[in-house]
Amino acid sequence: MTLRLLLALSALLFALPAAAQLSAPEQRMIDTVAAEQQRTLDLLERLVEQNSGTMNHEGVREVGRIMAAEFEAIGFTTQWVEAPGTDRAGHLVARHEGSATGQRLLLIGHLDTVFEPDSPFQSFTIEGDKAIGPGVGDNKGGITVMIAALRAMQAAGTLADANIIAVLTGDEEDAGEPVAAARAVLVAAAEVSDIALDYEGLSRGDDGEDMGSIARRSSSAWTLEVRADSGHSSGVFSEARGYGAIFEAARIIDEYRRVLRLAEPELTFNVGLIAGGEEAALDTDKIRATARGKTNIIAPIALARGDLRAIDQGQIDRTIARMQAITAQSLPGTSASLSFDPVTYPPMAPTAANQALLDRLNMVNADLGLAAMAPLDPMKRGAADISFVAHLVPGINGMGALGEGSHAPGESVDIPALWRQANRAAILMTRLTAEPR
């Protein structure tokens, strides 16, 4: 199903909320979330006050230890999984074994933040209905919602038979390399699961309504290298000297823009770095460039780096083919090559199975007296860890906290939304894990 069709179908779900049809255990879960609000806020504060910037490995491990204790207190077994060779702290895996026949859930979150120890933004504060602090939404609010929902399930007796694996990665904000090694534990968990729920932040639509995220775009990078005949600038455009590398790079990049912008909805293509001249080079990480040249020399080299974000693998394949075809049509006196890095984050396509899972969540919303959630436009969100397992299991992203200012000083979450999200999650997980596989 296309994204547009899914969005159109979802619009049919927007009706007045139905009267609540909650079971006694489900009502007990709501009561538990309400009764434990201070406990939940205390946990959130403790997590935020512990710096866990991705490269602060011991800080990431300490947040892992805090979360491991929370999981173990409700009957999970936990394991710290190292990620050797990736220069990252590792990951926390928590398992709960229940009935052999129930749907097996994979819960996804992360322990790290973008705020390293040298960031001036380090403390947790509350102002009215907002909690403020580094990573308070991304993703410490999300994993706090996860635990609050699981505690509510335990109190209601619905956790006992649930089959759940939770994977909290230690490097979501800056994935270790090779990425296959950094995400091996997450993929392994998905291979023995039936459904994935990612506790990244809840998104809102333009009118302030809660949205369901069933699609995320990929993230990958490309490099363009153009070589050309050089010589005195007076000979540029001549048959003998040609057009030079910079003119050719500019032509190719603009042709990418002209063709790709119209050819593929939900695709974005960006040029983030360009250099050219008599000499030009990229550093080892390909994030810095050096160049030297003179105005009277036809540039023999030009380099460009950019990214590509697509909705599914088919779109990636078509885009690469179009870009390669454009690159191959060189101006006189020039030659160009285009290479693609391994995909950093694969796409989470908007599948019918994902939409069906959102429909299940909207049944929960109806029983809670909440409005139905339409699928979020994937153009409005970046990549996420759930994308690594989207080809294995259906899933929903955005089960976590509702926040503002992610990745910037002043990052905050809406406190009342924590309880709303915990209620949704507890009931949805209870219903899903009670279903036969």
Protein backbone atom coordinates (compact mmCIF):
# COMPACT_ATOMS: atom_id res chain seq x y z
CA MET A 1 0.00 0.00 0.00
CA THR A 2 1.31 3.48 -0.83
CA LEU A 3 1.81 6.05 1.89
CA ARG A 4 -0.86 8.29 0.37
CA LEU A 5 -3.39 5.45 0.42
CA LEU A 6 -2.56 4.65 4.03
CA LEU A 7 -2.99 8.29 4.98
CA ALA A 8 -6.33 8.40 3.20
CA LEU A 9 -7.55 5.24 4.92
CA SER A 10 -6.44 6.54 8.29
CA ALA A 11 -8.59 9.63 7.87
CA LEU A 12 -11.62 7.37 8.07
CA LEU A 13 -10.65 6.54 11.65
CA PHE A 14 -11.25 10.06 12.90
CA ALA A 15 -14.57 9.89 14.68
CA LEU A 16 -15.69 10.87 18.16
CA PRO A 17 -14.03 8.67 20.79
CA ALA A 18 -16.11 5.66 21.76
CA ALA A 19 -17.22 5.01 25.31
CA ALA A 20 -14.53 3.28 27.35
CA GLN A 21 -14.58 -0.52 27.10
CA LEU A 22 -11.81 -1.40 29.50
CA SER A 23 -11.47 -4.70 31.32
CA ALA A 24 -10.88 -4.78 35.07
CA PRO A 25 -7.12 -5.45 34.62
CA GLU A 26 -6.89 -2.57 32.13
CA GLN A 27 -8.53 -0.22 34.61
CA ARG A 28 -6.08 -1.45 37.23
CA MET A 29 -3.23 -0.48 34.90
CA ILE A 30 -4.59 3.04 34.54
CA ASP A 31 -4.93 3.32 38.31
CA THR A 32 -1.35 2.10 38.77
CA VAL A 33 0.09 4.60 36.31
CA ALA A 34 -1.74 7.37 38.18
CA ALA A 35 -0.68 6.15 41.61
CA GLU A 36 3.00 5.87 40.58
CA GLN A 37 3.38 9.27 38.94
CA GLN A 38 5.91 10.53 41.49
CA ARG A 39 7.87 7.29 41.30
CA THR A 40 7.99 7.63 37.52
CA LEU A 41 9.13 11.25 37.69
CA ASP A 42 11.80 10.31 40.22
CA LEU A 43 13.14 7.69 37.82
CA LEU A 44 13.12 10.17 34.95
CA GLU A 45 15.07 12.67 37.06
CA ARG A 46 17.63 10.05 38.05
CA LEU A 47 18.15 9.03 34.43
CA VAL A 48 18.50 12.61 33.20
CA GLU A 49 20.91 13.61 35.97
CA GLN A 50 23.26 10.81 34.86
CA ASN A 51 25.06 12.05 31.77
CA SER A 52 25.04 9.44 29.03
CA GLY A 53 26.37 11.14 25.95
CA THR A 54 27.12 8.46 23.38
CA MET A 55 30.87 8.69 23.86
CA ASN A 56 30.58 8.77 27.68
CA HIS A 57 30.73 4.98 27.82
CA GLU A 58 30.67 4.68 31.60
CA GLY A 59 27.72 7.07 31.77
CA VAL A 60 25.81 4.97 29.25
CA ARG A 61 26.60 1.83 31.27
CA GLU A 62 25.38 3.52 34.47
CA VAL A 63 22.04 4.39 32.85
CA GLY A 64 21.96 0.75 31.76
CA ARG A 65 22.46 -0.36 35.36
CA ILE A 66 19.62 1.89 36.54
CA MET A 67 17.29 0.46 33.92
CA ALA A 68 18.42 -3.12 34.56
CA ALA A 69 17.36 -2.77 38.21
CA GLU A 70 13.95 -1.49 37.09
CA PHE A 71 13.46 -4.45 34.76
CA GLU A 72 14.66 -6.99 37.29
CA ALA A 73 12.25 -5.65 39.93
CA ILE A 74 9.31 -6.73 37.74
CA GLY A 75 10.62 -10.16 36.80
CA PHE A 76 12.84 -9.59 33.77
CA THR A 77 16.30 -11.07 33.38
CA THR A 78 18.88 -8.61 32.08
CA GLN A 79 22.14 -8.82 30.19
CA TRP A 80 24.69 -6.21 29.21
CA VAL A 81 25.83 -6.95 25.66
CA GLU A 82 29.14 -5.50 24.53
CA ALA A 83 29.61 -4.28 20.97
CA PRO A 84 33.28 -5.11 20.35
CA GLY A 85 35.11 -3.17 17.67
CA THR A 86 32.53 -0.37 17.49
CA ASP A 87 33.99 2.04 20.09
CA ARG A 88 30.62 2.17 21.89
CA ALA A 89 29.48 1.22 25.39
CA GLY A 90 27.18 -1.67 24.48
CA HIS A 91 23.49 -2.40 24.98
CA LEU A 92 21.04 -3.54 27.65
CA VAL A 93 18.82 -6.53 26.86
CA ALA A 94 15.94 -7.44 29.21
CA ARG A 95 13.83 -10.58 28.73
CA HIS A 96 10.53 -11.72 30.19
CA GLU A 97 9.37 -15.23 29.40
CA GLY A 98 5.64 -15.91 29.59
CA SER A 99 3.19 -18.13 27.77
CA ALA A 100 4.64 -20.12 24.90
CA THR A 101 1.66 -19.22 22.71
CA GLY A 102 1.43 -15.43 23.04
CA GLN A 103 2.69 -12.79 20.62
CA ARG A 104 6.32 -11.96 21.36
CA LEU A 105 7.02 -8.23 21.65
CA LEU A 106 10.27 -6.40 20.98
CA LEU A 107 10.51 -3.09 22.85
CA ILE A 108 13.11 -0.64 21.56
CA GLY A 109 14.68 2.36 23.27
CA HIS A 110 18.12 3.84 23.86
CA LEU A 111 20.30 4.83 26.79
CA ASP A 112 22.49 7.48 25.19
CA THR A 113 21.88 11.16 24.43
CA VAL A 114 23.52 13.77 22.21
CA PHE A 115 24.71 15.70 25.29
CA GLU A 116 28.29 14.74 26.14
CA PRO A 117 29.86 15.60 29.55
CA ASP A 118 31.24 18.90 28.21
CA SER A 119 27.75 20.18 27.35
CA PRO A 120 26.58 23.02 29.64
CA PHE A 121 23.08 21.48 29.61
CA GLN A 122 23.23 18.81 32.32
CA SER A 123 20.48 19.13 34.95
CA PHE A 124 16.83 18.14 35.41
CA THR A 125 14.17 20.71 36.30
CA ILE A 126 10.38 20.90 36.33
CA GLU A 127 8.50 24.00 35.25
CA GLY A 128 4.76 23.60 35.48
CA ASP A 129 3.75 20.65 33.29
CA LYS A 130 7.18 20.41 31.65
CA ALA A 131 10.21 18.37 32.64
CA ILE A 132 13.41 19.84 31.23
CA GLY A 133 16.81 18.24 30.87
CA PRO A 134 19.35 16.63 28.52
CA GLY A 135 17.76 13.64 26.84
CA VAL A 136 14.57 14.01 28.88
CA GLY A 137 12.56 13.14 25.80
CA ASP A 138 15.12 11.50 23.57
CA ASN A 139 15.12 8.93 24.95
CA LYS A 140 15.01 8.91 28.74
CA GLY A 141 11.37 9.92 28.78
CA GLY A 142 10.68 7.10 26.34
CA ILE A 143 12.30 4.37 28.41
CA THR A 144 10.61 5.79 31.51
CA VAL A 145 7.23 5.40 29.76
CA MET A 146 8.24 1.83 28.88
CA ILE A 147 8.96 0.93 32.50
CA ALA A 148 5.84 2.69 33.81
CA ALA A 149 3.71 0.65 31.39
CA LEU A 150 5.41 -2.62 32.33
CA ARG A 151 5.01 -1.90 36.05
CA ALA A 152 1.31 -1.28 35.45
CA MET A 153 1.05 -4.61 33.64
CA GLN A 154 2.70 -6.38 36.55
CA ALA A 155 0.33 -4.77 39.05
CA ALA A 156 -2.66 -5.87 36.95
CA GLY A 157 -1.34 -9.42 36.52
CA THR A 158 -1.04 -9.15 32.73
CA LEU A 159 2.75 -9.25 32.61
CA ALA A 160 3.00 -12.80 33.96
CA ASP A 161 2.20 -14.49 30.65
CA ALA A 162 3.81 -11.87 28.40
CA ASN A 163 6.76 -12.69 26.15
CA ILE A 164 8.82 -9.52 25.88
CA ILE A 165 12.37 -8.62 24.89
CA ALA A 166 13.50 -5.05 25.50
CA VAL A 167 16.64 -3.80 23.75
CA LEU A 168 17.99 -0.44 24.90
CA THR A 169 20.87 0.49 22.64
CA GLY A 170 23.82 2.51 23.88
CA ASP A 171 24.60 4.34 20.65
CA GLU A 172 21.39 5.34 18.88
CA GLU A 173 22.48 8.97 18.59
CA ASP A 174 25.78 8.01 16.94
CA ALA A 175 25.75 4.39 15.87
CA GLY A 176 29.02 2.52 16.11
CA GLU A 177 30.68 1.09 13.05
CA PRO A 178 30.41 -1.33 11.49
CA VAL A 179 26.68 -0.74 11.90
CA ALA A 180 25.93 -4.44 11.35
CA ALA A 181 27.91 -5.25 14.50
CA ALA A 182 26.44 -2.34 16.44
CA ARG A 183 22.87 -3.51 15.72
CA ALA A 184 23.42 -7.28 15.75
CA VAL A 185 21.76 -7.71 19.16
CA LEU A 186 18.69 -5.76 18.02
CA VAL A 187 18.32 -7.81 14.84
CA ALA A 188 18.74 -11.05 16.79
CA ALA A 189 15.93 -10.01 19.14
CA ALA A 190 13.66 -9.17 16.20
CA GLU A 191 14.25 -12.59 14.68
CA VAL A 192 12.51 -14.21 17.64
CA SER A 193 9.78 -11.55 17.99
CA ASP A 194 6.46 -10.92 16.28
CA ILE A 195 5.91 -7.18 16.80
CA ALA A 196 8.18 -4.20 17.52
CA LEU A 197 7.24 -1.14 19.57
CA ASP A 198 9.79 1.68 19.55
CA TYR A 199 9.69 4.12 22.48
CA GLU A 200 11.10 7.10 20.63
CA GLY A 201 9.16 10.32 21.15
CA LEU A 202 5.47 10.74 20.36
CA SER A 203 4.84 13.06 17.41
CA ARG A 204 2.09 15.60 16.96
CA GLY A 205 0.40 16.85 13.82
CA ASP A 206 0.03 20.43 12.66
CA ASP A 207 -3.13 20.84 14.75
CA GLY A 208 -1.57 19.41 17.91
CA GLU A 209 -3.07 15.93 17.61
CA ASP A 210 -1.14 12.80 18.60
CA MET A 211 0.15 10.88 15.58
CA GLY A 212 1.16 7.26 15.01
CA SER A 213 4.49 6.65 13.32
CA ILE A 214 4.43 3.61 11.01
CA ALA A 215 7.12 4.69 8.54
CA ARG A 216 10.62 6.14 8.83
CA ARG A 217 12.93 7.02 5.99
CA SER A 218 16.39 5.65 5.44
CA SER A 219 19.64 7.52 5.90
CA SER A 220 22.71 7.02 3.73
CA ALA A 221 25.51 9.05 2.16
CA TRP A 222 27.09 9.41 -1.26
CA THR A 223 30.31 10.88 -2.70
CA LEU A 224 30.72 12.50 -6.11
CA GLU A 225 34.23 12.84 -7.56
CA VAL A 226 34.80 14.77 -10.77
CA ARG A 227 38.10 14.88 -12.66
CA ALA A 228 38.87 17.18 -15.57
CA ASP A 229 41.57 18.43 -17.88
CA SER A 230 43.36 21.43 -16.42
CA GLY A 231 45.10 24.42 -17.93
CA HIS A 232 44.93 28.18 -18.16
CA SER A 233 41.48 29.63 -17.47
CA SER A 234 41.48 31.39 -20.84
CA GLY A 235 40.97 28.01 -22.48
CA VAL A 236 37.86 26.97 -20.50
CA PHE A 237 34.93 25.74 -22.62
CA SER A 238 37.27 25.13 -25.55
CA GLU A 239 37.47 21.82 -27.35
CA ALA A 240 41.01 21.35 -26.09
CA ARG A 241 40.38 22.13 -22.41
CA GLY A 242 36.72 21.39 -21.80
CA TYR A 243 34.61 22.63 -18.89
CA GLY A 244 36.64 21.86 -15.79
CA ALA A 245 35.70 19.83 -12.73
CA ILE A 246 33.77 22.48 -10.82
CA PHE A 247 31.42 23.34 -13.69
CA GLU A 248 30.81 19.64 -14.25
CA ALA A 249 30.16 18.97 -10.55
CA ALA A 250 27.71 21.89 -10.45
CA ARG A 251 25.92 20.58 -13.55
CA ILE A 252 25.63 17.05 -12.16
CA ILE A 253 24.39 18.18 -8.77
CA ASP A 254 21.81 20.51 -10.26
CA GLU A 255 20.61 17.71 -12.53
CA TYR A 256 20.22 15.49 -9.48
CA ARG A 257 18.06 18.23 -7.97
CA ARG A 258 16.00 18.73 -11.10
CA VAL A 259 15.31 15.04 -11.73
CA LEU A 260 15.04 13.61 -8.22
CA ARG A 261 12.89 16.37 -6.75
CA LEU A 262 10.08 15.56 -9.18
CA ALA A 263 10.57 11.83 -9.60
CA GLU A 264 10.13 10.48 -6.07
CA PRO A 265 7.69 11.62 -3.38
CA GLU A 266 8.97 11.15 0.19
CA LEU A 267 12.57 11.31 -1.08
CA THR A 268 15.03 13.97 0.01
CA PHE A 269 18.48 14.49 -1.40
CA ASN A 270 20.99 16.91 0.12
CA VAL A 271 24.46 18.22 -0.68
CA GLY A 272 26.23 18.89 2.59
CA LEU A 273 29.86 19.39 1.55
CA ILE A 274 31.61 20.44 -1.66
CA ALA A 275 35.19 21.36 -2.54
CA GLY A 276 37.13 21.83 -5.75
CA GLY A 277 40.12 23.48 -7.33
CA GLU A 278 43.67 22.73 -8.31
CA GLU A 279 43.68 20.34 -5.35
CA ALA A 280 40.85 18.94 -3.20
CA ALA A 281 40.61 16.11 -0.69
CA LEU A 282 38.27 14.67 1.94
CA ASP A 283 39.48 13.62 5.39
CA THR A 284 39.26 10.02 6.60
CA ASP A 285 35.80 10.49 8.08
CA LYS A 286 34.58 12.35 4.97
CA ILE A 287 33.19 15.19 7.07
CA ARG A 288 35.88 17.79 6.26
CA ALA A 289 37.42 18.89 2.98
CA THR A 290 40.50 20.85 1.99
CA ALA A 291 40.96 22.67 -1.31
CA ARG A 292 43.40 24.98 -3.03
CA GLY A 293 43.13 26.76 -6.35
CA LYS A 294 43.63 29.89 -8.39
CA THR A 295 41.17 31.89 -10.42
CA ASN A 296 43.23 31.46 -13.57
CA ILE A 297 43.48 27.64 -13.41
CA ILE A 298 40.77 25.33 -14.77
CA ALA A 299 39.91 23.11 -11.79
CA PRO A 300 41.01 19.50 -12.33
CA ILE A 301 39.09 18.09 -9.33
CA ALA A 302 35.83 18.61 -7.47
CA LEU A 303 34.35 16.56 -4.61
CA ALA A 304 30.89 16.58 -3.06
CA ARG A 305 29.24 14.69 -0.20
CA GLY A 306 25.56 14.40 0.56
CA ASP A 307 22.82 12.26 2.00
CA LEU A 308 19.83 10.34 0.70
CA ARG A 309 16.62 9.58 2.63
CA ALA A 310 14.06 7.24 1.11
CA ILE A 311 10.83 5.53 2.14
CA ASP A 312 11.63 2.01 0.96
CA GLN A 313 14.33 -0.08 -0.72
CA GLY A 314 12.71 0.25 -4.13
CA GLN A 315 12.97 4.02 -3.92
CA ILE A 316 16.62 3.72 -2.91
CA ASP A 317 17.37 1.46 -5.88
CA ARG A 318 15.57 3.73 -8.37
CA THR A 319 17.29 6.82 -7.04
CA ILE A 320 20.75 5.29 -7.23
CA ALA A 321 20.10 4.23 -10.82
CA ARG A 322 18.96 7.73 -11.80
CA MET A 323 21.93 9.39 -10.10
CA GLN A 324 24.39 7.03 -11.77
CA ALA A 325 22.82 7.70 -15.17
CA ILE A 326 23.13 11.45 -14.68
CA THR A 327 26.73 11.12 -13.50
CA ALA A 328 27.68 9.11 -16.58
CA GLN A 329 26.71 11.94 -18.99
CA SER A 330 29.91 13.94 -18.67
CA LEU A 331 30.71 17.28 -20.28
CA PRO A 332 33.73 17.41 -22.62
CA GLY A 333 37.08 17.10 -20.89
CA THR A 334 35.61 15.65 -17.69
CA SER A 335 34.85 12.32 -16.03
CA ALA A 336 32.83 11.63 -12.90
CA SER A 337 32.23 8.78 -10.48
CA LEU A 338 29.53 8.41 -7.86
CA SER A 339 29.82 6.06 -4.88
CA PHE A 340 27.41 5.24 -2.06
CA ASP A 341 28.28 4.43 1.54
CA PRO A 342 26.57 1.45 3.15
CA VAL A 343 23.11 2.46 4.34
CA THR A 344 23.42 3.85 7.87
CA TYR A 345 19.72 3.46 8.66
CA PRO A 346 17.47 1.35 6.42
CA PRO A 347 13.92 2.50 5.67
CA MET A 348 10.85 1.51 7.66
CA ALA A 349 8.29 1.27 4.87
CA PRO A 350 4.61 2.13 5.53
CA THR A 351 3.34 -1.43 5.22
CA ALA A 352 -0.20 -2.70 5.63
CA ALA A 353 0.98 -4.71 8.65
CA ASN A 354 2.23 -1.54 10.33
CA GLN A 355 -1.09 0.16 9.59
CA ALA A 356 -2.95 -2.80 11.08
CA LEU A 357 -0.90 -2.39 14.25
CA LEU A 358 -1.78 1.30 14.39
CA ASP A 359 -5.43 0.27 13.99
CA ARG A 360 -5.01 -1.88 17.11
CA LEU A 361 -3.57 1.10 18.95
CA ASN A 362 -6.54 3.17 17.85
CA MET A 363 -8.85 0.60 19.41
CA VAL A 364 -7.02 1.27 22.65
CA ASN A 365 -7.41 5.01 22.07
CA ALA A 366 -11.15 4.58 21.57
CA ASP A 367 -11.47 2.61 24.81
CA LEU A 368 -9.49 5.29 26.64
CA GLY A 369 -11.70 8.02 25.20
CA LEU A 370 -8.84 9.42 23.14
CA ALA A 371 -8.93 10.53 19.51
CA ALA A 372 -7.67 8.17 16.84
CA MET A 373 -4.09 8.65 15.67
CA ALA A 374 -3.37 9.11 11.97
CA PRO A 375 -0.05 7.98 10.47
CA LEU A 376 2.65 10.60 10.78
CA ASP A 377 4.14 11.87 7.53
CA PRO A 378 7.63 10.26 7.50
CA MET A 379 9.02 13.47 6.00
CA LYS A 380 8.63 14.95 9.49
CA ARG A 381 10.87 12.50 11.35
CA GLY A 382 14.38 11.18 10.93
CA ALA A 383 15.75 7.66 11.08
CA ALA A 384 15.36 5.38 14.11
CA ASP A 385 16.56 2.03 15.48
CA ILE A 386 13.26 0.35 14.57
CA SER A 387 14.31 0.69 10.93
CA PHE A 388 16.94 -2.02 11.43
CA VAL A 389 14.22 -4.59 12.14
CA ALA A 390 11.36 -3.27 9.99
CA HIS A 391 12.00 -5.94 7.36
CA LEU A 392 11.56 -8.65 10.02
CA VAL A 393 8.55 -7.56 12.09
CA PRO A 394 5.70 -5.03 11.84
CA GLY A 395 6.04 -2.12 14.20
CA ILE A 396 5.08 1.29 15.51
CA ASN A 397 7.47 4.08 16.37
CA GLY A 398 6.75 6.98 18.74
CA MET A 399 5.46 5.10 21.81
CA GLY A 400 7.54 7.32 24.08
CA ALA A 401 7.35 10.81 25.57
CA LEU A 402 5.89 13.90 23.93
CA GLY A 403 8.67 16.45 23.83
CA GLU A 404 10.02 19.66 22.37
CA GLY A 405 13.49 20.87 21.47
CA SER A 406 15.08 17.47 21.06
CA HIS A 407 18.89 17.55 20.74
CA ALA A 408 19.10 21.16 21.95
CA PRO A 409 19.54 22.91 25.30
CA GLY A 410 16.11 23.30 26.86
CA GLU A 411 14.85 19.90 25.65
CA SER A 412 11.60 19.15 27.47
CA VAL A 413 8.70 16.71 27.76
CA ASP A 414 5.04 17.19 28.56
CA ILE A 415 4.49 15.49 31.94
CA PRO A 416 0.75 14.68 31.55
CA ALA A 417 1.54 13.01 28.22
CA LEU A 418 3.80 10.55 30.07
CA TRP A 419 0.74 9.09 31.78
CA ARG A 420 -1.27 9.04 28.55
CA GLN A 421 1.53 7.20 26.76
CA ALA A 422 2.04 4.73 29.62
CA ASN A 423 -1.69 3.91 29.62
CA ARG A 424 -1.71 3.37 25.86
CA ALA A 425 1.40 1.22 25.99
CA ALA A 426 0.29 -0.95 28.90
CA ILE A 427 -3.09 -1.76 27.37
CA LEU A 428 -1.71 -2.29 23.86
CA MET A 429 1.06 -4.60 25.12
CA THR A 430 -1.41 -6.52 27.27
CA ARG A 431 -3.76 -7.10 24.36
CA LEU A 432 -1.01 -8.02 21.90
CA THR A 433 0.76 -10.47 24.20
CA ALA A 434 -2.55 -12.22 24.95
CA GLU A 435 -3.05 -13.02 21.27
CA PRO A 436 -1.82 -16.37 19.92
CA ARG A 437 1.14 -16.27 17.59
